[in-house]
């Protein structure tokens, strides 16, 4: 398998953590030192990822509890407030149970989100009365000034495709907010290497990827083992 960004083959590898579902199965990551990402080698199938994420929402609230979702959303909203202005509209891709959408609406913003996982959409309905769609709004129908990818990019193998989809619902002068593990090859916590994370990025990797879309980094908030990046179109 080749690096999903530069398409070079990479021989170096690191061992991932055990699958939480059985405690036995392990995966390896190939490390692309040129691009600054690590990716599953060999890749899991799409069905594997779906099954794992559904399990996360179907284990009696232990893995994706309401309390954990609330804590994460509060932290995300605290950062968003630094860039939000009156009249902003917000779309949270992969919003989970929709807690961040709920917080944004409570603060007076027009906000929506989506999640491809059935368990997440069920939790959003039960916890907040939110009806989420599995996919994004059709291109050009709903356009938002702030689009968020909070702990989402590391869950997909084709990051460039997801970024392209996110930008399709972003206004020309809008901001793309990305939160993800701040990956490094030596110090990252075991949780980063769990099976639902097919790709892990360094700061340089995500900045370089966004440059391919003519977007520049305008804010960067390190947060321990995770980091939040804000991008806007380079003029």
Protein backbone atom coordinates (compact mmCIF):
# COMPACT_ATOMS: atom_id res chain seq x y z
CA UNK A 1 0.00 0.00 0.00
CA UNK A 2 1.13 3.53 -0.76
CA UNK A 3 0.91 6.69 1.31
CA UNK A 4 -2.54 8.23 0.65
CA UNK A 5 -0.99 11.70 0.22
CA UNK A 6 2.30 11.32 -1.69
CA UNK A 7 1.69 7.75 -2.93
CA UNK A 8 5.18 6.60 -1.97
CA UNK A 9 5.75 3.20 -0.43
CA UNK A 10 7.01 3.31 3.16
CA UNK A 11 8.87 0.50 4.86
CA UNK A 12 9.06 1.82 8.43
CA UNK A 13 6.19 0.81 10.70
CA UNK A 14 4.87 1.06 14.25
CA UNK A 15 2.56 -1.25 16.13
CA UNK A 16 -0.95 -0.11 16.96
CA UNK A 17 -2.87 -0.82 20.14
CA UNK A 18 -5.11 -3.88 20.65
CA UNK A 19 -8.63 -3.65 19.33
CA UNK A 20 -10.83 -2.61 22.21
CA UNK A 21 -13.47 -5.10 21.08
CA UNK A 22 -11.39 -8.20 21.70
CA UNK A 23 -8.10 -7.08 23.25
CA UNK A 24 -6.11 -9.26 20.88
CA UNK A 25 -6.06 -8.09 17.28
CA UNK A 26 -3.34 -5.58 16.44
CA UNK A 27 -2.67 -3.43 13.41
CA UNK A 28 0.46 -1.83 12.04
CA UNK A 29 0.93 1.69 10.73
CA UNK A 30 3.28 2.59 7.92
CA UNK A 31 4.98 5.90 8.67
CA UNK A 32 5.53 8.36 5.82
CA UNK A 33 8.20 10.69 7.12
CA UNK A 34 7.96 12.87 4.01
CA UNK A 35 4.26 13.63 4.44
CA UNK A 36 4.16 13.35 8.22
CA UNK A 37 1.35 10.83 8.48
CA UNK A 38 0.96 7.26 9.62
CA UNK A 39 -1.61 4.98 8.03
CA UNK A 40 -2.85 1.42 8.47
CA UNK A 41 -0.74 -1.12 6.64
CA UNK A 42 -2.51 -3.11 5.38
CA UNK A 43 -5.69 -1.07 5.35
CA UNK A 44 -8.79 -2.25 7.15
CA UNK A 45 -11.90 -2.61 4.99
CA UNK A 46 -14.65 0.00 4.98
CA UNK A 47 -16.93 -2.51 6.70
CA UNK A 48 -14.35 -2.94 9.47
CA UNK A 49 -14.42 0.78 10.23
CA UNK A 50 -18.22 0.89 10.18
CA UNK A 51 -18.47 -2.10 12.51
CA UNK A 52 -15.95 -0.65 14.94
CA UNK A 53 -17.62 2.76 15.10
CA UNK A 54 -21.05 1.22 15.54
CA UNK A 55 -19.66 -0.87 18.40
CA UNK A 56 -18.43 2.36 20.03
CA UNK A 57 -21.99 3.70 20.17
CA UNK A 58 -23.53 0.38 21.17
CA UNK A 59 -21.60 -0.58 24.31
CA UNK A 60 -23.99 0.76 26.94
CA UNK A 61 -22.65 4.30 26.77
CA UNK A 62 -19.21 3.37 28.06
CA UNK A 63 -17.27 4.48 24.97
CA UNK A 64 -19.42 7.41 23.76
CA UNK A 65 -21.23 8.44 26.91
CA UNK A 66 -23.33 11.59 27.23
CA UNK A 67 -20.90 12.91 29.84
CA UNK A 68 -17.89 12.36 27.60
CA UNK A 69 -19.65 13.96 24.63
CA UNK A 70 -20.61 16.98 26.74
CA UNK A 71 -17.06 17.42 28.03
CA UNK A 72 -15.61 17.30 24.51
CA UNK A 73 -18.24 19.64 23.08
CA UNK A 74 -17.69 22.21 25.84
CA UNK A 75 -13.98 22.26 25.04
CA UNK A 76 -14.64 22.58 21.32
CA UNK A 77 -17.16 25.39 21.77
CA UNK A 78 -14.78 27.29 24.06
CA UNK A 79 -12.29 27.42 21.19
CA UNK A 80 -14.91 28.18 18.54
CA UNK A 81 -15.99 31.27 20.47
CA UNK A 82 -12.59 32.78 19.67
CA UNK A 83 -13.38 32.88 15.95
CA UNK A 84 -17.18 33.11 15.80
CA UNK A 85 -18.87 36.39 14.96
CA UNK A 86 -22.50 37.45 14.90
CA UNK A 87 -24.32 35.87 12.00
CA UNK A 88 -21.97 32.90 11.57
CA UNK A 89 -23.55 29.62 10.53
CA UNK A 90 -21.93 26.37 11.67
CA UNK A 91 -21.85 22.83 10.33
CA UNK A 92 -20.23 20.09 12.42
CA UNK A 93 -19.19 17.10 10.29
CA UNK A 94 -19.19 13.83 12.22
CA UNK A 95 -20.89 15.52 15.15
CA UNK A 96 -21.54 12.33 17.13
CA UNK A 97 -24.57 12.85 19.36
CA UNK A 98 -24.83 16.51 18.30
CA UNK A 99 -23.86 18.09 21.62
CA UNK A 100 -21.77 20.77 19.89
CA UNK A 101 -24.66 21.59 17.53
CA UNK A 102 -26.90 21.97 20.58
CA UNK A 103 -24.41 24.32 22.29
CA UNK A 104 -24.07 26.48 19.17
CA UNK A 105 -27.83 26.79 18.81
CA UNK A 106 -28.22 27.66 22.50
CA UNK A 107 -25.71 30.49 21.95
CA UNK A 108 -27.87 31.91 19.16
CA UNK A 109 -26.09 30.53 16.10
CA UNK A 110 -27.65 28.66 13.21
CA UNK A 111 -25.98 25.24 13.44
CA UNK A 112 -26.38 21.75 12.06
CA UNK A 113 -24.34 18.59 11.70
CA UNK A 114 -24.22 15.10 10.33
CA UNK A 115 -22.90 11.69 11.32
CA UNK A 116 -22.60 8.53 9.21
CA UNK A 117 -22.86 6.24 12.24
CA UNK A 118 -26.35 4.95 13.06
CA UNK A 119 -25.59 4.75 16.77
CA UNK A 120 -24.52 8.40 16.85
CA UNK A 121 -27.70 9.53 15.09
CA UNK A 122 -29.78 7.48 17.52
CA UNK A 123 -27.97 9.08 20.48
CA UNK A 124 -28.52 12.57 19.03
CA UNK A 125 -32.25 11.92 18.81
CA UNK A 126 -32.51 10.40 22.28
CA UNK A 127 -30.26 12.86 24.10
CA UNK A 128 -31.05 16.13 22.31
CA UNK A 129 -34.02 15.56 20.01
CA UNK A 130 -31.78 16.21 17.01
CA UNK A 131 -32.49 14.53 13.69
CA UNK A 132 -29.13 14.14 11.96
CA UNK A 133 -28.50 13.06 8.39
CA UNK A 134 -25.73 10.57 7.53
CA UNK A 135 -24.27 12.75 4.76
CA UNK A 136 -23.52 16.38 3.96
CA UNK A 137 -26.03 18.82 2.47
CA UNK A 138 -26.00 18.79 -1.31
CA UNK A 139 -23.39 21.16 -2.73
CA UNK A 140 -24.81 24.66 -2.98
CA UNK A 141 -28.00 24.03 -1.00
CA UNK A 142 -26.76 24.89 2.48
CA UNK A 143 -23.56 26.94 2.78
CA UNK A 144 -21.94 27.61 6.15
CA UNK A 145 -19.38 30.17 7.29
CA UNK A 146 -17.73 27.76 9.76
CA UNK A 147 -17.32 24.03 9.06
CA UNK A 148 -15.89 21.78 11.78
CA UNK A 149 -14.07 18.46 11.64
CA UNK A 150 -13.63 17.71 15.32
CA UNK A 151 -11.86 14.37 15.82
CA UNK A 152 -13.02 13.21 12.39
CA UNK A 153 -10.12 13.38 9.93
CA UNK A 154 -8.17 10.62 11.69
CA UNK A 155 -11.20 8.33 11.24
CA UNK A 156 -11.02 8.26 7.43
CA UNK A 157 -8.39 6.94 5.04
CA UNK A 158 -9.05 9.40 2.22
CA UNK A 159 -8.50 12.69 4.04
CA UNK A 160 -8.29 14.73 0.85
CA UNK A 161 -11.74 13.56 -0.21
CA UNK A 162 -13.23 14.51 3.16
CA UNK A 163 -11.60 17.95 3.04
CA UNK A 164 -12.99 18.48 -0.46
CA UNK A 165 -16.48 17.56 0.78
CA UNK A 166 -16.16 19.92 3.76
CA UNK A 167 -15.10 22.81 1.54
CA UNK A 168 -18.09 22.20 -0.76
CA UNK A 169 -20.42 23.50 1.99
CA UNK A 170 -18.13 26.34 3.16
CA UNK A 171 -18.61 29.95 2.11
CA UNK A 172 -15.82 31.61 0.10
CA UNK A 173 -14.70 33.63 3.13
CA UNK A 174 -15.43 30.86 5.64
CA UNK A 175 -13.24 29.02 8.13
CA UNK A 176 -12.50 25.30 8.34
CA UNK A 177 -11.80 24.08 11.89
CA UNK A 178 -9.97 20.76 12.30
CA UNK A 179 -9.28 19.04 15.61
CA UNK A 180 -7.31 15.79 15.69
CA UNK A 181 -4.50 13.91 17.46
CA UNK A 182 -1.29 15.93 17.27
CA UNK A 183 0.63 12.91 16.02
CA UNK A 184 4.31 12.32 16.57
CA UNK A 185 6.10 9.04 16.09
CA UNK A 186 7.45 8.63 19.62
CA UNK A 187 5.23 10.26 22.24
CA UNK A 188 1.63 9.76 21.12
CA UNK A 189 -0.64 7.99 23.59
CA UNK A 190 -1.77 4.42 22.95
CA UNK A 191 -5.34 5.59 22.25
CA UNK A 192 -4.23 7.29 19.04
CA UNK A 193 -3.29 3.96 17.51
CA UNK A 194 -6.65 2.33 18.04
CA UNK A 195 -8.22 0.67 15.00
CA UNK A 196 -10.73 3.41 14.18
CA UNK A 197 -7.85 5.78 13.34
CA UNK A 198 -6.65 4.74 9.86
CA UNK A 199 -4.57 7.92 9.39
CA UNK A 200 -2.68 10.12 11.84
CA UNK A 201 -1.23 13.51 10.87
CA UNK A 202 1.54 15.76 12.07
CA UNK A 203 1.03 19.52 12.02
CA UNK A 204 3.07 19.82 8.84
CA UNK A 205 1.01 17.11 7.14
CA UNK A 206 -2.33 18.85 7.64
CA UNK A 207 -0.90 22.27 6.74
CA UNK A 208 0.61 20.86 3.53
CA UNK A 209 -2.65 19.11 2.63
CA UNK A 210 -4.64 22.32 3.08
CA UNK A 211 -2.14 24.24 0.95
CA UNK A 212 -3.11 21.94 -1.92
CA UNK A 213 -6.62 23.41 -1.56
CA UNK A 214 -5.20 26.98 -1.39
CA UNK A 215 -6.05 27.32 2.29
CA UNK A 216 -3.73 28.80 4.91
CA UNK A 217 -3.41 28.20 8.65
CA UNK A 218 -4.57 31.20 10.67
CA UNK A 219 -4.82 29.72 14.19
CA UNK A 220 -3.35 26.70 15.97
CA UNK A 221 -4.28 25.65 19.49
CA UNK A 222 -2.16 22.81 20.95
CA UNK A 223 -4.16 20.82 23.50
CA UNK A 224 -1.96 18.14 24.99
CA UNK A 225 -2.14 15.13 22.70
CA UNK A 226 -4.64 16.84 20.39
CA UNK A 227 -4.57 20.09 18.50
CA UNK A 228 -7.09 22.39 16.78
CA UNK A 229 -6.31 24.15 13.50
CA UNK A 230 -8.27 26.95 11.79
CA UNK A 231 -7.85 27.46 8.05
CA UNK A 232 -9.17 30.06 5.63
CA UNK A 233 -8.77 30.51 1.90
CA UNK A 234 -5.45 32.06 0.88
CA UNK A 235 -5.98 35.17 -1.25
